[in-house]
C-alpha atoms as a PDB file:
ATOM      1  CA  MET A   1       0.000   0.000   0.000  1.00  0.00           C
ATOM      2  CA  ASN A   2       1.474   3.373  -1.011  1.00  0.00           C
ATOM      3  CA  ALA A   3       1.573   6.564   1.067  1.00  0.00           C
ATOM      4  CA  ARG A   4      -1.453   8.101  -0.673  1.00  0.00           C
ATOM      5  CA  SER A   5      -3.564   5.009   0.036  1.00  0.00           C
ATOM      6  CA  ARG A   6      -2.518   5.057   3.688  1.00  0.00           C
ATOM      7  CA  LEU A   7      -3.461   8.738   3.927  1.00  0.00           C
ATOM      8  CA  LEU A   8      -6.890   8.142   2.417  1.00  0.00           C
ATOM      9  CA  ARG A   9      -7.491   5.265   4.823  1.00  0.00           C
ATOM     10  CA  ALA A  10      -6.455   7.464   7.737  1.00  0.00           C
ATOM     11  CA  ILE A  11      -8.873  10.203   6.652  1.00  0.00           C
ATOM     12  CA  ASP A  12     -11.692   7.667   6.555  1.00  0.00           C
ATOM     13  CA  ASN A  13     -10.624   6.151   9.867  1.00  0.00           C
ATOM     14  CA  PRO A  14      -9.213   8.637  12.417  1.00  0.00           C
ATOM     15  CA  VAL A  15      -7.965   5.827  14.695  1.00  0.00           C
ATOM     16  CA  LEU A  16      -5.165   5.342  12.153  1.00  0.00           C
ATOM     17  CA  PHE A  17      -3.909   8.850  13.003  1.00  0.00           C
ATOM     18  CA  LEU A  18      -3.739   7.806  16.650  1.00  0.00           C
ATOM     19  CA  ARG A  19      -1.874   4.652  15.657  1.00  0.00           C
ATOM     20  CA  GLN A  20       0.615   6.786  13.736  1.00  0.00           C
ATOM     21  CA  ALA A  21       1.129   8.996  16.795  1.00  0.00           C
ATOM     22  CA  ASN A  22       1.924   5.891  18.842  1.00  0.00           C
ATOM     23  CA  ARG A  23       4.320   4.759  16.126  1.00  0.00           C
ATOM     24  CA  LEU A  24       6.161   8.082  16.281  1.00  0.00           C
ATOM     25  CA  TYR A  25       6.513   7.634  20.042  1.00  0.00           C
ATOM     26  CA  HIS A  26       7.883   4.089  19.804  1.00  0.00           C
ATOM     27  CA  ARG A  27      10.217   4.956  16.952  1.00  0.00           C
ATOM     28  CA  ARG A  28      11.406   8.048  18.805  1.00  0.00           C
ATOM     29  CA  LEU A  29      10.203  10.417  16.108  1.00  0.00           C
ATOM     30  CA  GLY A  30      11.979   8.409  13.423  1.00  0.00           C
ATOM     31  CA  ARG A  31      15.323   8.137  15.202  1.00  0.00           C
ATOM     32  CA  ARG A  32      15.136   4.334  15.146  1.00  0.00           C
ATOM     33  CA  GLU A  33      13.792   2.092  12.388  1.00  0.00           C
ATOM     34  CA  HIS A  34      13.259  -0.982  14.553  1.00  0.00           C
ATOM     35  CA  ASN A  35      13.198  -2.123  18.156  1.00  0.00           C
ATOM     36  CA  THR A  36      16.825  -1.712  19.151  1.00  0.00           C
ATOM     37  CA  ASP A  37      16.274  -3.822  22.282  1.00  0.00           C
ATOM     38  CA  GLY A  38      15.488  -6.872  20.156  1.00  0.00           C
ATOM     39  CA  VAL A  39      17.624 -10.005  19.891  1.00  0.00           C
ATOM     40  CA  ASP A  40      19.981 -10.444  16.939  1.00  0.00           C
ATOM     41  CA  VAL A  41      18.606 -13.839  15.948  1.00  0.00           C
ATOM     42  CA  PHE A  42      21.383 -14.652  13.470  1.00  0.00           C
ATOM     43  CA  GLY A  43      24.020 -13.815  16.034  1.00  0.00           C
ATOM     44  CA  GLU A  44      22.650 -16.479  18.391  1.00  0.00           C
ATOM     45  CA  ASP A  45      23.868 -20.075  18.642  1.00  0.00           C
ATOM     46  CA  TRP A  46      21.594 -22.611  16.910  1.00  0.00           C
ATOM     47  CA  ASP A  47      21.515 -25.159  14.118  1.00  0.00           C
ATOM     48  CA  ASN A  48      17.807 -24.729  13.389  1.00  0.00           C
ATOM     49  CA  LEU A  49      15.686 -21.625  13.886  1.00  0.00           C
ATOM     50  CA  LEU A  50      11.951 -22.291  13.660  1.00  0.00           C
ATOM     51  CA  ILE A  51       9.903 -19.096  13.375  1.00  0.00           C
ATOM     52  CA  LEU A  52       6.217 -18.962  14.228  1.00  0.00           C
ATOM     53  CA  ASP A  53       4.644 -15.956  12.534  1.00  0.00           C
ATOM     54  CA  ALA A  54       2.918 -13.480  14.859  1.00  0.00           C
ATOM     55  CA  CYS A  55       3.212 -15.679  17.970  1.00  0.00           C
ATOM     56  CA  ARG A  56       2.982 -13.899  21.310  1.00  0.00           C
ATOM     57  CA  TYR A  57       5.077 -15.153  24.209  1.00  0.00           C
ATOM     58  CA  ASP A  58       2.135 -15.467  26.591  1.00  0.00           C
ATOM     59  CA  MET A  59       0.041 -17.447  24.124  1.00  0.00           C
ATOM     60  CA  PHE A  60       2.944 -19.766  23.337  1.00  0.00           C
ATOM     61  CA  ALA A  61       3.671 -20.336  27.029  1.00  0.00           C
ATOM     62  CA  ARG A  62       0.028 -21.199  27.605  1.00  0.00           C
ATOM     63  CA  CYS A  63      -0.440 -23.513  24.604  1.00  0.00           C
ATOM     64  CA  SER A  64       2.909 -25.150  23.949  1.00  0.00           C
ATOM     65  CA  GLU A  65       3.966 -28.550  25.224  1.00  0.00           C
ATOM     66  CA  LEU A  66       7.047 -28.614  23.015  1.00  0.00           C
ATOM     67  CA  PRO A  67      10.196 -30.048  24.608  1.00  0.00           C
ATOM     68  CA  GLY A  68      12.962 -27.694  25.630  1.00  0.00           C
ATOM     69  CA  ARG A  69      13.767 -24.698  27.836  1.00  0.00           C
ATOM     70  CA  LEU A  70      11.480 -21.715  27.344  1.00  0.00           C
ATOM     71  CA  GLU A  71      12.805 -18.166  27.677  1.00  0.00           C
ATOM     72  CA  ARG A  72      11.426 -14.844  26.551  1.00  0.00           C
ATOM     73  CA  ARG A  73      13.155 -12.445  24.201  1.00  0.00           C
ATOM     74  CA  GLN A  74      12.313  -9.209  22.430  1.00  0.00           C
ATOM     75  CA  SER A  75      12.009  -9.103  18.668  1.00  0.00           C
ATOM     76  CA  LYS A  76      13.577  -6.352  16.601  1.00  0.00           C
ATOM     77  CA  GLY A  77      10.247  -5.774  14.863  1.00  0.00           C
ATOM     78  CA  SER A  78       6.496  -5.723  15.382  1.00  0.00           C
ATOM     79  CA  ALA A  79       5.799  -6.871  11.813  1.00  0.00           C
ATOM     80  CA  THR A  80       7.457  -9.366   9.481  1.00  0.00           C
ATOM     81  CA  THR A  81       9.060  -6.848   7.130  1.00  0.00           C
ATOM     82  CA  GLU A  82      10.514  -4.940  10.069  1.00  0.00           C
ATOM     83  CA  PHE A  83      11.848  -8.169  11.594  1.00  0.00           C
ATOM     84  CA  LEU A  84      13.387  -9.261   8.291  1.00  0.00           C
ATOM     85  CA  THR A  85      14.938  -5.871   7.552  1.00  0.00           C
ATOM     86  CA  ALA A  86      16.438  -5.488  11.012  1.00  0.00           C
ATOM     87  CA  ASN A  87      17.875  -9.019  11.103  1.00  0.00           C
ATOM     88  CA  LEU A  88      18.788  -9.686   7.471  1.00  0.00           C
ATOM     89  CA  ASP A  89      19.665  -6.545   5.547  1.00  0.00           C
ATOM     90  CA  GLY A  90      23.317  -6.595   4.522  1.00  0.00           C
ATOM     91  CA  ARG A  91      23.936 -10.020   6.035  1.00  0.00           C
ATOM     92  CA  ASP A  92      26.107 -12.765   4.527  1.00  0.00           C
ATOM     93  CA  LEU A  93      24.320 -16.028   5.338  1.00  0.00           C
ATOM     94  CA  ARG A  94      25.868 -18.424   2.867  1.00  0.00           C
ATOM     95  CA  ASP A  95      25.939 -21.005   5.658  1.00  0.00           C
ATOM     96  CA  THR A  96      22.126 -20.833   5.992  1.00  0.00           C
ATOM     97  CA  VAL A  97      19.078 -22.121   4.109  1.00  0.00           C
ATOM     98  CA  TYR A  98      15.797 -20.249   4.586  1.00  0.00           C
ATOM     99  CA  VAL A  99      12.553 -22.192   4.146  1.00  0.00           C
ATOM    100  CA  THR A 100       9.636 -19.758   4.262  1.00  0.00           C
ATOM    101  CA  ALA A 101       5.865 -19.761   3.996  1.00  0.00           C
ATOM    102  CA  ASN A 102       5.799 -15.950   4.086  1.00  0.00           C
ATOM    103  CA  PRO A 103       6.167 -13.987   0.812  1.00  0.00           C
ATOM    104  CA  GLN A 104       7.511 -10.842   2.490  1.00  0.00           C
ATOM    105  CA  LEU A 105      11.213 -11.484   1.867  1.00  0.00           C
ATOM    106  CA  TYR A 106      10.548 -12.044  -1.825  1.00  0.00           C
ATOM    107  CA  ARG A 107       8.309  -8.994  -2.032  1.00  0.00           C
ATOM    108  CA  ASN A 108      10.999  -6.813  -0.403  1.00  0.00           C
ATOM    109  CA  ARG A 109      13.995  -8.456  -2.091  1.00  0.00           C
ATOM    110  CA  GLU A 110      15.209  -5.139  -3.536  1.00  0.00           C
ATOM    111  CA  SER A 111      15.355  -3.433  -0.140  1.00  0.00           C
ATOM    112  CA  ILE A 112      16.301  -6.368   2.107  1.00  0.00           C
ATOM    113  CA  ARG A 113      19.668  -7.505   0.829  1.00  0.00           C
ATOM    114  CA  ALA A 114      20.787 -10.807   2.291  1.00  0.00           C
ATOM    115  CA  THR A 115      22.771 -13.663   0.801  1.00  0.00           C
ATOM    116  CA  PHE A 116      21.560 -17.139   1.783  1.00  0.00           C
ATOM    117  CA  HIS A 117      22.932 -20.395   0.476  1.00  0.00           C
ATOM    118  CA  ASP A 118      19.385 -21.100  -0.663  1.00  0.00           C
ATOM    119  CA  VAL A 119      15.879 -19.717  -0.133  1.00  0.00           C
ATOM    120  CA  ILE A 120      12.958 -22.106  -0.507  1.00  0.00           C
ATOM    121  CA  GLN A 121       9.715 -20.200  -1.089  1.00  0.00           C
ATOM    122  CA  VAL A 122       7.055 -22.647   0.119  1.00  0.00           C
ATOM    123  CA  TRP A 123       4.241 -20.201  -0.734  1.00  0.00           C
ATOM    124  CA  GLN A 124       4.931 -20.599  -4.447  1.00  0.00           C
ATOM    125  CA  GLU A 125       3.107 -23.139  -6.576  1.00  0.00           C
ATOM    126  CA  ASP A 126       2.049 -26.334  -4.763  1.00  0.00           C
ATOM    127  CA  GLY A 127       2.979 -25.067  -1.293  1.00  0.00           C
ATOM    128  CA  TRP A 128       0.030 -22.673  -1.251  1.00  0.00           C
ATOM    129  CA  ASN A 129      -3.372 -23.833  -0.003  1.00  0.00           C
ATOM    130  CA  GLU A 130      -6.082 -22.075  -2.017  1.00  0.00           C
ATOM    131  CA  GLU A 131      -8.908 -23.148   0.284  1.00  0.00           C
ATOM    132  CA  TYR A 132      -7.495 -21.434   3.356  1.00  0.00           C
ATOM    133  CA  GLY A 133      -5.412 -18.741   1.685  1.00  0.00           C
ATOM    134  CA  THR A 134      -2.191 -19.673   3.476  1.00  0.00           C
ATOM    135  CA  VAL A 135       0.531 -22.313   3.735  1.00  0.00           C
ATOM    136  CA  LEU A 136      -0.383 -25.120   6.099  1.00  0.00           C
ATOM    137  CA  PRO A 137       2.139 -26.062   8.807  1.00  0.00           C
ATOM    138  CA  GLU A 138       2.416 -29.665   7.652  1.00  0.00           C
ATOM    139  CA  THR A 139       3.471 -28.393   4.233  1.00  0.00           C
ATOM    140  CA  VAL A 140       6.219 -26.262   5.781  1.00  0.00           C
ATOM    141  CA  THR A 141       7.473 -29.231   7.801  1.00  0.00           C
ATOM    142  CA  GLU A 142       7.564 -31.370   4.667  1.00  0.00           C
ATOM    143  CA  TYR A 143       9.598 -28.781   2.732  1.00  0.00           C
ATOM    144  CA  ALA A 144      11.938 -28.200   5.694  1.00  0.00           C
ATOM    145  CA  THR A 145      12.592 -31.921   6.120  1.00  0.00           C
ATOM    146  CA  ARG A 146      13.599 -32.180   2.466  1.00  0.00           C
ATOM    147  CA  ALA A 147      15.808 -29.101   2.776  1.00  0.00           C
ATOM    148  CA  ALA A 148      17.612 -30.581   5.785  1.00  0.00           C
ATOM    149  CA  GLU A 149      18.310 -33.731   3.818  1.00  0.00           C
ATOM    150  CA  GLU A 150      19.548 -31.774   0.804  1.00  0.00           C
ATOM    151  CA  TYR A 151      21.707 -29.384   2.854  1.00  0.00           C
ATOM    152  CA  PRO A 152      23.086 -31.366   5.833  1.00  0.00           C
ATOM    153  CA  GLU A 153      25.894 -28.856   6.488  1.00  0.00           C
ATOM    154  CA  LYS A 154      23.802 -25.698   6.676  1.00  0.00           C
ATOM    155  CA  ARG A 155      21.984 -23.803   9.377  1.00  0.00           C
ATOM    156  CA  LEU A 156      18.271 -24.056   8.723  1.00  0.00           C
ATOM    157  CA  VAL A 157      15.673 -21.300   9.192  1.00  0.00           C
ATOM    158  CA  VAL A 158      12.059 -22.425   8.878  1.00  0.00           C
ATOM    159  CA  HIS A 159       9.369 -19.730   8.827  1.00  0.00           C
ATOM    160  CA  TYR A 160       5.887 -21.098   9.519  1.00  0.00           C
ATOM    161  CA  MET A 161       2.861 -18.962   8.703  1.00  0.00           C
ATOM    162  CA  GLN A 162       0.807 -19.836  11.791  1.00  0.00           C
ATOM    163  CA  PRO A 163      -0.529 -18.623  14.160  1.00  0.00           C
ATOM    164  CA  HIS A 164      -0.787 -15.658  11.787  1.00  0.00           C
ATOM    165  CA  TYR A 165      -4.222 -15.054  10.340  1.00  0.00           C
ATOM    166  CA  PRO A 166      -6.149 -16.545   8.457  1.00  0.00           C
ATOM    167  CA  PHE A 167      -7.558 -18.992  10.985  1.00  0.00           C
ATOM    168  CA  VAL A 168      -7.288 -22.442   9.440  1.00  0.00           C
ATOM    169  CA  GLY A 169     -10.417 -24.573   9.638  1.00  0.00           C
ATOM    170  CA  SER A 170     -12.178 -22.190  12.020  1.00  0.00           C
ATOM    171  CA  GLY A 171     -15.609 -22.624  10.418  1.00  0.00           C
ATOM    172  CA  THR A 172     -16.308 -18.899  10.853  1.00  0.00           C
ATOM    173  CA  ASP A 173     -17.570 -16.524   8.157  1.00  0.00           C
ATOM    174  CA  PHE A 174     -16.569 -13.090   9.455  1.00  0.00           C
ATOM    175  CA  ASP A 175     -12.865 -13.686   8.817  1.00  0.00           C
ATOM    176  CA  LYS A 176     -13.181 -14.931   5.217  1.00  0.00           C
ATOM    177  CA  GLY A 177     -14.249 -11.789   3.360  1.00  0.00           C
ATOM    178  CA  HIS A 178     -10.769 -10.928   2.097  1.00  0.00           C
ATOM    179  CA  LEU A 179     -10.514 -14.438   0.612  1.00  0.00           C
ATOM    180  CA  THR A 180     -13.787 -14.193  -1.315  1.00  0.00           C
ATOM    181  CA  GLY A 181     -13.322 -10.577  -2.358  1.00  0.00           C
ATOM    182  CA  THR A 182     -16.392  -9.365  -0.457  1.00  0.00           C
ATOM    183  CA  GLN A 183     -14.313  -7.537   2.165  1.00  0.00           C
ATOM    184  CA  PRO A 184     -10.973  -6.009   1.108  1.00  0.00           C
ATOM    185  CA  GLU A 185      -9.953  -5.129   4.664  1.00  0.00           C
ATOM    186  CA  SER A 186      -8.232  -7.708   6.839  1.00  0.00           C
ATOM    187  CA  LEU A 187      -9.797  -8.961  10.047  1.00  0.00           C
ATOM    188  CA  TRP A 188      -7.482  -6.746  12.125  1.00  0.00           C
ATOM    189  CA  SER A 189      -8.343  -3.619  10.139  1.00  0.00           C
ATOM    190  CA  GLN A 190     -12.051  -4.339  10.504  1.00  0.00           C
ATOM    191  CA  LEU A 191     -11.699  -4.767  14.259  1.00  0.00           C
ATOM    192  CA  LEU A 192      -9.539  -1.654  14.613  1.00  0.00           C
ATOM    193  CA  SER A 193     -11.990   0.530  12.712  1.00  0.00           C
ATOM    194  CA  GLY A 194     -15.099  -0.872  14.377  1.00  0.00           C
ATOM    195  CA  MET A 195     -16.431  -2.290  11.099  1.00  0.00           C
ATOM    196  CA  LEU A 196     -16.571  -5.694  12.781  1.00  0.00           C
ATOM    197  CA  ASP A 197     -17.961  -6.331  16.238  1.00  0.00           C
ATOM    198  CA  VAL A 198     -16.604  -9.623  17.577  1.00  0.00           C
ATOM    199  CA  ASP A 199     -15.606  -9.980  21.199  1.00  0.00           C
ATOM    200  CA  ARG A 200     -11.970 -10.326  22.172  1.00  0.00           C
ATOM    201  CA  GLY A 201     -12.485 -13.765  23.731  1.00  0.00           C
ATOM    202  CA  THR A 202     -13.686 -15.206  20.434  1.00  0.00           C
ATOM    203  CA  ILE A 203     -10.722 -13.784  18.536  1.00  0.00           C
ATOM    204  CA  TRP A 204      -8.307 -15.047  21.190  1.00  0.00           C
ATOM    205  CA  ARG A 205      -9.717 -18.578  20.990  1.00  0.00           C
ATOM    206  CA  LEU A 206      -9.447 -18.610  17.187  1.00  0.00           C
ATOM    207  CA  TYR A 207      -5.888 -17.317  17.348  1.00  0.00           C
ATOM    208  CA  GLU A 208      -4.946 -19.870  19.982  1.00  0.00           C
ATOM    209  CA  ALA A 209      -6.475 -22.671  17.907  1.00  0.00           C
ATOM    210  CA  ASN A 210      -4.355 -21.563  14.938  1.00  0.00           C
ATOM    211  CA  LEU A 211      -1.233 -21.929  17.054  1.00  0.00           C
ATOM    212  CA  LYS A 212      -2.314 -25.337  18.365  1.00  0.00           C
ATOM    213  CA  ARG A 213      -2.920 -26.400  14.756  1.00  0.00           C
ATOM    214  CA  ALA A 214       0.761 -25.768  14.005  1.00  0.00           C
ATOM    215  CA  LEU A 215       2.554 -27.022  17.118  1.00  0.00           C
ATOM    216  CA  PRO A 216       2.457 -30.783  16.403  1.00  0.00           C
ATOM    217  CA  HIS A 217       4.099 -30.176  13.026  1.00  0.00           C
ATOM    218  CA  VAL A 218       6.722 -27.960  14.650  1.00  0.00           C
ATOM    219  CA  GLU A 219       7.482 -30.701  17.177  1.00  0.00           C
ATOM    220  CA  GLU A 220       7.762 -33.287  14.409  1.00  0.00           C
ATOM    221  CA  LEU A 221      10.391 -31.142  12.698  1.00  0.00           C
ATOM    222  CA  MET A 222      12.253 -30.437  15.941  1.00  0.00           C
ATOM    223  CA  ARG A 223      12.649 -34.146  16.629  1.00  0.00           C
ATOM    224  CA  ASP A 224      13.630 -34.964  13.046  1.00  0.00           C
ATOM    225  CA  LEU A 225      16.315 -32.296  12.680  1.00  0.00           C
ATOM    226  CA  GLY A 226      18.503 -32.965  15.703  1.00  0.00           C
ATOM    227  CA  GLY A 227      21.206 -30.628  16.961  1.00  0.00           C
ATOM    228  CA  LYS A 228      20.324 -27.346  18.664  1.00  0.00           C
ATOM    229  CA  THR A 229      16.913 -25.964  17.710  1.00  0.00           C
ATOM    230  CA  VAL A 230      15.387 -22.643  18.725  1.00  0.00           C
ATOM    231  CA  VAL A 231      11.655 -22.000  18.314  1.00  0.00           C
ATOM    232  CA  THR A 232      10.768 -18.314  18.286  1.00  0.00           C
ATOM    233  CA  ALA A 233       8.544 -15.757  16.503  1.00  0.00           C
ATOM    234  CA  ASP A 234       9.151 -12.819  14.223  1.00  0.00           C
ATOM    235  CA  HIS A 235       6.748 -10.686  16.296  1.00  0.00           C
ATOM    236  CA  GLY A 236       3.620 -10.916  18.418  1.00  0.00           C
ATOM    237  CA  ASN A 237       0.089  -9.628  17.912  1.00  0.00           C
ATOM    238  CA  MET A 238      -2.324  -7.281  19.647  1.00  0.00           C
ATOM    239  CA  VAL A 239      -5.685  -8.844  20.454  1.00  0.00           C
ATOM    240  CA  GLY A 240      -7.703  -5.868  21.616  1.00  0.00           C
ATOM    241  CA  GLU A 241      -5.313  -4.598  24.311  1.00  0.00           C
ATOM    242  CA  ARG A 242      -4.734  -0.901  24.819  1.00  0.00           C
ATOM    243  CA  ALA A 243      -1.691   0.531  23.078  1.00  0.00           C
ATOM    244  CA  PHE A 244       0.381   3.376  24.501  1.00  0.00           C
ATOM    245  CA  PRO A 245       0.953   6.235  24.957  1.00  0.00           C
ATOM    246  CA  LEU A 246      -2.453   6.842  23.297  1.00  0.00           C
ATOM    247  CA  PRO A 247      -4.681   4.094  24.721  1.00  0.00           C
ATOM    248  CA  ILE A 248      -6.484   3.026  21.563  1.00  0.00           C
ATOM    249  CA  GLN A 249      -7.706  -0.551  21.374  1.00  0.00           C
ATOM    250  CA  GLU A 250      -5.148  -2.132  19.047  1.00  0.00           C
ATOM    251  CA  TRP A 251      -5.429  -5.206  16.831  1.00  0.00           C
ATOM    252  CA  GLY A 252      -2.970  -7.057  14.642  1.00  0.00           C
ATOM    253  CA  HIS A 253       0.723  -6.273  14.304  1.00  0.00           C
ATOM    254  CA  PRO A 254       1.303  -2.732  13.022  1.00  0.00           C
ATOM    255  CA  ARG A 255       4.868  -1.762  12.171  1.00  0.00           C
ATOM    256  CA  GLY A 256       6.851   0.371  14.562  1.00  0.00           C
ATOM    257  CA  ILE A 257       4.808  -0.118  17.744  1.00  0.00           C
ATOM    258  CA  TYR A 258       6.770  -1.929  20.435  1.00  0.00           C
ATOM    259  CA  THR A 259       4.278  -2.956  23.089  1.00  0.00           C
ATOM    260  CA  GLU A 260       4.932  -6.078  25.137  1.00  0.00           C
ATOM    261  CA  GLU A 261       2.295  -7.987  23.177  1.00  0.00           C
ATOM    262  CA  LEU A 262       4.004  -7.119  19.899  1.00  0.00           C
ATOM    263  CA  VAL A 263       7.684  -7.640  20.610  1.00  0.00           C
ATOM    264  CA  THR A 264       7.887 -10.160  23.480  1.00  0.00           C
ATOM    265  CA  VAL A 265       8.367 -13.514  21.777  1.00  0.00           C
ATOM    266  CA  PRO A 266       9.149 -17.090  22.828  1.00  0.00           C
ATOM    267  CA  TRP A 267      12.686 -18.426  22.710  1.00  0.00           C
ATOM    268  CA  LEU A 268      12.494 -22.194  23.217  1.00  0.00           C
ATOM    269  CA  VAL A 269      15.833 -24.023  23.178  1.00  0.00           C
ATOM    270  CA  PHE A 270      15.822 -27.761  22.417  1.00  0.00           C
ATOM    271  CA  GLU A 271      19.036 -29.771  22.171  1.00  0.00           C
ATOM    272  CA  ASP A 272      18.861 -33.264  20.714  1.00  0.00           C
ATOM    273  CA  GLY A 273      21.980 -35.149  19.752  1.00  0.00           C
ATOM    274  CA  PRO A 274      25.229 -33.979  18.150  1.00  0.00           C
ATOM    275  CA  ARG A 275      25.542 -30.515  16.677  1.00  0.00           C
ATOM    276  CA  ARG A 276      25.604 -30.105  12.927  1.00  0.00           C
ATOM    277  CA  LYS A 277      28.879 -29.262  11.214  1.00  0.00           C
ATOM    278  CA  ILE A 278      28.155 -26.010   9.375  1.00  0.00           C
ATOM    279  CA  ARG A 279      29.908 -25.061   6.165  1.00  0.00           C
ATOM    280  CA  GLU A 280      29.606 -21.864   4.148  1.00  0.00           C
ATOM    281  CA  GLU A 281      29.156 -22.183   0.381  1.00  0.00           C
ATOM    282  CA  GLU A 282      28.177 -20.009  -2.541  1.00  0.00           C
ATOM    283  CA  PRO A 283      24.430 -19.654  -3.237  1.00  0.00           C
ATOM    284  CA  ALA A 284      22.941 -22.817  -4.716  1.00  0.00           C
ATOM    285  CA  SER A 285      20.508 -21.214  -7.140  1.00  0.00           C
ATOM    286  CA  GLN A 286      18.885 -18.015  -8.338  1.00  0.00           C
ATOM    287  CA  PRO A 287      15.338 -17.302  -7.083  1.00  0.00           C
ATOM    288  CA  ASN A 288      12.470 -18.111  -9.411  1.00  0.00           C
ATOM    289  CA  LYS A 289      10.683 -15.088 -10.817  1.00  0.00           C
ATOM    290  CA  VAL A 290       7.114 -14.809  -9.542  1.00  0.00           C
ATOM    291  CA  ASP A 291       4.442 -12.628 -11.110  1.00  0.00           C
ATOM    292  CA  ASP A 292       3.846  -9.530  -8.959  1.00  0.00           C
ATOM    293  CA  ASN A 293       0.097 -10.153  -9.046  1.00  0.00           C
ATOM    294  CA  VAL A 294       0.605 -13.604  -7.546  1.00  0.00           C
ATOM    295  CA  VAL A 295       2.706 -12.141  -4.732  1.00  0.00           C
ATOM    296  CA  ALA A 296       0.099  -9.435  -4.100  1.00  0.00           C
ATOM    297  CA  ASP A 297      -2.682 -12.034  -4.035  1.00  0.00           C
ATOM    298  CA  ARG A 298      -0.806 -14.187  -1.551  1.00  0.00           C
ATOM    299  CA  LEU A 299      -0.186 -11.233   0.761  1.00  0.00           C
ATOM    300  CA  ARG A 300      -3.812 -10.103   0.503  1.00  0.00           C
ATOM    301  CA  ASP A 301      -4.996 -13.591   1.456  1.00  0.00           C
ATOM    302  CA  LEU A 302      -2.733 -13.445   4.493  1.00  0.00           C
ATOM    303  CA  GLY A 303      -4.339 -10.168   5.539  1.00  0.00           C
ATOM    304  CA  TYR A 304      -1.445  -7.834   4.707  1.00  0.00           C
ATOM    305  CA  THR A 305      -3.265  -4.611   3.948  1.00  0.00           C
ATOM    306  CA  GLU A 306      -1.519  -1.987   6.077  1.00  0.00           C
END
């Protein structure tokens, strides 16, 4: 969405002006582009980094029965693009393979410059589930398992889409409008603007169920990979809590707002067997070109409208 579109949306919905004021506060009037208190994930010690998209620490702690030692960390970003930019831009990661269900790195490939040994875009072609408008966690696990077999001497980053909206198999209608074309605004935008009146408890339960849908597939991958695995999140999500300093009721994961709900993420450490011997090599392949309309459609289905 360009600046003019954001301005028009803000005129139609004054709460967006209040959100922008909060963003200016958290970003210190533009003096920082990300949360400088966040962990440098690629500077940490791990063989496998499994990223749950938009997973709050408190929800993970409540729902997860994954093996390992759970800590809490702060993310560098409150949205995926901010997380990727802060952690990846300018980085030489030829010892790392990135398996991702999220199209944001591809979409921002001109501005986020990072060199991986390989990037496997699960959201392309047969990795995408048209019915739900997302990539299912079992699909990500399948791709990641194959990548680990193909690249046994590389660090592995696996970016799951869940618990990020849309809610898989929820059976609800109010959250499907952006998939059918009847409602261009995402669920979070509708809740923020008051266009949709659904109580916070219902949204929380749907969000929690989306996380629980993914966790067994995450555990399967953890046990298959071996070595030292960290399970974390790129950012959290607001589910109707009050933001600050202006106490608007906030939903979703807007960029540049560093509340506890948005930047406090799980950091689960699981060690299983010998560590992997990591070797740096030149990139394995060039990325496949994807039609811009396909990328835009994927992001729209995932609710990226801000």
